[in-house]
Amino acid sequence: MTGHQYAYVAVFALVGIALLVIALTTAWVLRPRRPSRAKMTPYECGIIPSGDAWNQFNIRYYLYALLFVLFDVEAAYLYPWAVRVGKLGSYALVEMAVFLAILGFGLGYAWRKGALRWE
């Protein structure tokens, strides 16, 4: 790449940053500024908040979230593979079987350790 091609990237980045600053500044200037007690309370499904917001949560909630993300990502890999499996051949089938076996092993491990019990 020559020097003037980097100039295109720099100009593109500067224009992008300028548009971002303009949009955020415009939104800040034009926003309504009428705070009220109701607007300043945190929204919790219509329930009036009570107590401290710094409550400790059980670690199981985080484990459920991590396991959900893990298997959600698995599904994201399965869809494109399933669309092209006919053209990919048996090698791709074996690769996906290994991938699913590893995930199944992880699920079995979490299940055996009791990470999936909701108590």
C-alpha atoms as a PDB file:
ATOM      1  CA  MET A   1       0.000   0.000   0.000  1.00  0.00           C
ATOM      2  CA  THR A   2       1.171   3.439  -0.753  1.00  0.00           C
ATOM      3  CA  GLY A   3       0.855   6.468   1.499  1.00  0.00           C
ATOM      4  CA  HIS A   4      -2.193   7.966  -0.179  1.00  0.00           C
ATOM      5  CA  GLN A   5      -4.195   4.765   0.372  1.00  0.00           C
ATOM      6  CA  TYR A   6      -3.682   5.154   4.117  1.00  0.00           C
ATOM      7  CA  ALA A   7      -4.951   8.713   3.763  1.00  0.00           C
ATOM      8  CA  TYR A   8      -8.287   7.312   2.531  1.00  0.00           C
ATOM      9  CA  VAL A   9      -8.552   5.181   5.671  1.00  0.00           C
ATOM     10  CA  ALA A  10      -7.653   8.150   7.881  1.00  0.00           C
ATOM     11  CA  VAL A  11     -10.223  10.408   6.201  1.00  0.00           C
ATOM     12  CA  PHE A  12     -12.863   7.684   6.498  1.00  0.00           C
ATOM     13  CA  ALA A  13     -12.087   7.249  10.205  1.00  0.00           C
ATOM     14  CA  LEU A  14     -12.146  11.003  10.851  1.00  0.00           C
ATOM     15  CA  VAL A  15     -15.484  11.403   9.054  1.00  0.00           C
ATOM     16  CA  GLY A  16     -16.905   8.517  11.088  1.00  0.00           C
ATOM     17  CA  ILE A  17     -15.706  10.024  14.357  1.00  0.00           C
ATOM     18  CA  ALA A  18     -17.033  13.450  13.346  1.00  0.00           C
ATOM     19  CA  LEU A  19     -20.465  12.009  12.543  1.00  0.00           C
ATOM     20  CA  LEU A  20     -20.520  10.223  15.887  1.00  0.00           C
ATOM     21  CA  VAL A  21     -19.615  13.390  17.790  1.00  0.00           C
ATOM     22  CA  ILE A  22     -22.213  15.403  15.848  1.00  0.00           C
ATOM     23  CA  ALA A  23     -24.949  12.839  16.515  1.00  0.00           C
ATOM     24  CA  LEU A  24     -24.192  12.587  20.237  1.00  0.00           C
ATOM     25  CA  THR A  25     -23.931  16.364  20.643  1.00  0.00           C
ATOM     26  CA  THR A  26     -27.205  16.920  18.782  1.00  0.00           C
ATOM     27  CA  ALA A  27     -28.969  14.336  20.927  1.00  0.00           C
ATOM     28  CA  TRP A  28     -27.574  15.922  24.107  1.00  0.00           C
ATOM     29  CA  VAL A  29     -28.664  19.448  23.053  1.00  0.00           C
ATOM     30  CA  LEU A  30     -32.162  18.453  21.878  1.00  0.00           C
ATOM     31  CA  ARG A  31     -33.094  16.060  24.685  1.00  0.00           C
ATOM     32  CA  PRO A  32     -35.851  17.076  27.072  1.00  0.00           C
ATOM     33  CA  ARG A  33     -34.636  18.161  30.509  1.00  0.00           C
ATOM     34  CA  ARG A  34     -37.629  17.671  32.800  1.00  0.00           C
ATOM     35  CA  PRO A  35     -36.577  15.232  35.509  1.00  0.00           C
ATOM     36  CA  SER A  36     -39.223  14.052  37.935  1.00  0.00           C
ATOM     37  CA  ARG A  37     -39.236  11.652  40.843  1.00  0.00           C
ATOM     38  CA  ALA A  38     -40.876   8.964  38.704  1.00  0.00           C
ATOM     39  CA  LYS A  39     -38.307   9.366  35.921  1.00  0.00           C
ATOM     40  CA  MET A  40     -35.393   9.155  38.331  1.00  0.00           C
ATOM     41  CA  THR A  41     -36.402   5.786  39.836  1.00  0.00           C
ATOM     42  CA  PRO A  42     -35.016   2.613  38.300  1.00  0.00           C
ATOM     43  CA  TYR A  43     -37.493   0.627  36.235  1.00  0.00           C
ATOM     44  CA  GLU A  44     -38.221  -2.822  37.632  1.00  0.00           C
ATOM     45  CA  CYS A  45     -41.302  -4.064  35.780  1.00  0.00           C
ATOM     46  CA  GLY A  46     -43.573  -1.573  37.501  1.00  0.00           C
ATOM     47  CA  ILE A  47     -42.569  -2.632  41.000  1.00  0.00           C
ATOM     48  CA  ILE A  48     -41.395   0.123  43.314  1.00  0.00           C
ATOM     49  CA  PRO A  49     -37.718  -0.559  44.068  1.00  0.00           C
ATOM     50  CA  SER A  50     -36.900  -1.361  47.661  1.00  0.00           C
ATOM     51  CA  GLY A  51     -33.642  -2.094  49.387  1.00  0.00           C
ATOM     52  CA  ASP A  52     -30.093  -1.713  48.223  1.00  0.00           C
ATOM     53  CA  ALA A  53     -29.150  -2.267  44.586  1.00  0.00           C
ATOM     54  CA  TRP A  54     -25.894  -3.978  45.605  1.00  0.00           C
ATOM     55  CA  ASN A  55     -27.448  -7.287  46.615  1.00  0.00           C
ATOM     56  CA  GLN A  56     -25.347 -10.387  46.126  1.00  0.00           C
ATOM     57  CA  PHE A  57     -26.657 -12.976  43.704  1.00  0.00           C
ATOM     58  CA  ASN A  58     -26.047 -16.675  43.834  1.00  0.00           C
ATOM     59  CA  ILE A  59     -23.266 -17.810  41.500  1.00  0.00           C
ATOM     60  CA  ARG A  60     -25.665 -20.289  39.875  1.00  0.00           C
ATOM     61  CA  TYR A  61     -27.331 -17.446  37.972  1.00  0.00           C
ATOM     62  CA  TYR A  62     -24.028 -16.675  36.286  1.00  0.00           C
ATOM     63  CA  LEU A  63     -23.461 -20.345  35.522  1.00  0.00           C
ATOM     64  CA  TYR A  64     -26.869 -20.541  33.851  1.00  0.00           C
ATOM     65  CA  ALA A  65     -26.028 -17.466  31.798  1.00  0.00           C
ATOM     66  CA  LEU A  66     -22.662 -18.881  30.723  1.00  0.00           C
ATOM     67  CA  LEU A  67     -24.178 -22.229  29.797  1.00  0.00           C
ATOM     68  CA  PHE A  68     -26.888 -20.461  27.801  1.00  0.00           C
ATOM     69  CA  VAL A  69     -24.293 -18.452  25.893  1.00  0.00           C
ATOM     70  CA  LEU A  70     -22.266 -21.596  25.247  1.00  0.00           C
ATOM     71  CA  PHE A  71     -25.169 -23.505  23.733  1.00  0.00           C
ATOM     72  CA  ASP A  72     -26.499 -20.446  21.936  1.00  0.00           C
ATOM     73  CA  VAL A  73     -23.146 -20.108  20.184  1.00  0.00           C
ATOM     74  CA  GLU A  74     -23.333 -23.804  19.355  1.00  0.00           C
ATOM     75  CA  ALA A  75     -26.650 -23.211  17.618  1.00  0.00           C
ATOM     76  CA  ALA A  76     -25.116 -20.302  15.707  1.00  0.00           C
ATOM     77  CA  TYR A  77     -22.459 -22.685  14.348  1.00  0.00           C
ATOM     78  CA  LEU A  78     -24.951 -25.417  13.530  1.00  0.00           C
ATOM     79  CA  TYR A  79     -27.202 -23.416  11.205  1.00  0.00           C
ATOM     80  CA  PRO A  80     -24.648 -22.478   8.520  1.00  0.00           C
ATOM     81  CA  TRP A  81     -23.162 -25.950   8.719  1.00  0.00           C
ATOM     82  CA  ALA A  82     -26.578 -27.556   8.246  1.00  0.00           C
ATOM     83  CA  VAL A  83     -27.210 -25.449   5.143  1.00  0.00           C
ATOM     84  CA  ARG A  84     -23.948 -26.552   3.488  1.00  0.00           C
ATOM     85  CA  VAL A  85     -23.597 -30.096   4.855  1.00  0.00           C
ATOM     86  CA  GLY A  86     -24.438 -31.698   1.504  1.00  0.00           C
ATOM     87  CA  LYS A  87     -21.559 -29.962  -0.255  1.00  0.00           C
ATOM     88  CA  LEU A  88     -19.063 -30.243   2.576  1.00  0.00           C
ATOM     89  CA  GLY A  89     -18.849 -34.019   2.611  1.00  0.00           C
ATOM     90  CA  SER A  90     -18.095 -36.586   5.263  1.00  0.00           C
ATOM     91  CA  TYR A  91     -15.102 -34.721   6.688  1.00  0.00           C
ATOM     92  CA  ALA A  92     -17.379 -31.881   7.816  1.00  0.00           C
ATOM     93  CA  LEU A  93     -19.802 -34.417   9.260  1.00  0.00           C
ATOM     94  CA  VAL A  94     -17.014 -35.919  11.386  1.00  0.00           C
ATOM     95  CA  GLU A  95     -15.859 -32.465  12.479  1.00  0.00           C
ATOM     96  CA  MET A  96     -19.373 -31.540  13.581  1.00  0.00           C
ATOM     97  CA  ALA A  97     -19.729 -34.852  15.419  1.00  0.00           C
ATOM     98  CA  VAL A  98     -16.520 -34.103  17.341  1.00  0.00           C
ATOM     99  CA  PHE A  99     -17.754 -30.557  18.070  1.00  0.00           C
ATOM    100  CA  LEU A 100     -21.089 -31.855  19.366  1.00  0.00           C
ATOM    101  CA  ALA A 101     -19.356 -34.569  21.394  1.00  0.00           C
ATOM    102  CA  ILE A 102     -17.193 -31.961  23.145  1.00  0.00           C
ATOM    103  CA  LEU A 103     -20.255 -29.828  23.903  1.00  0.00           C
ATOM    104  CA  GLY A 104     -22.172 -32.897  25.060  1.00  0.00           C
ATOM    105  CA  PHE A 105     -19.293 -33.794  27.361  1.00  0.00           C
ATOM    106  CA  GLY A 106     -19.385 -30.270  28.799  1.00  0.00           C
ATOM    107  CA  LEU A 107     -23.141 -30.459  29.312  1.00  0.00           C
ATOM    108  CA  GLY A 108     -22.829 -33.855  30.992  1.00  0.00           C
ATOM    109  CA  TYR A 109     -20.082 -32.528  33.247  1.00  0.00           C
ATOM    110  CA  ALA A 110     -22.171 -29.510  34.268  1.00  0.00           C
ATOM    111  CA  TRP A 111     -25.173 -31.738  34.848  1.00  0.00           C
ATOM    112  CA  ARG A 112     -23.189 -34.202  36.964  1.00  0.00           C
ATOM    113  CA  LYS A 113     -21.694 -31.392  39.067  1.00  0.00           C
ATOM    114  CA  GLY A 114     -25.203 -30.086  39.766  1.00  0.00           C
ATOM    115  CA  ALA A 115     -24.740 -26.785  37.950  1.00  0.00           C
ATOM    116  CA  LEU A 116     -28.119 -27.175  36.253  1.00  0.00           C
ATOM    117  CA  ARG A 117     -30.162 -27.670  39.426  1.00  0.00           C
ATOM    118  CA  TRP A 118     -32.337 -24.665  40.210  1.00  0.00           C
ATOM    119  CA  GLU A 119     -32.498 -24.400  43.993  1.00  0.00           C
END
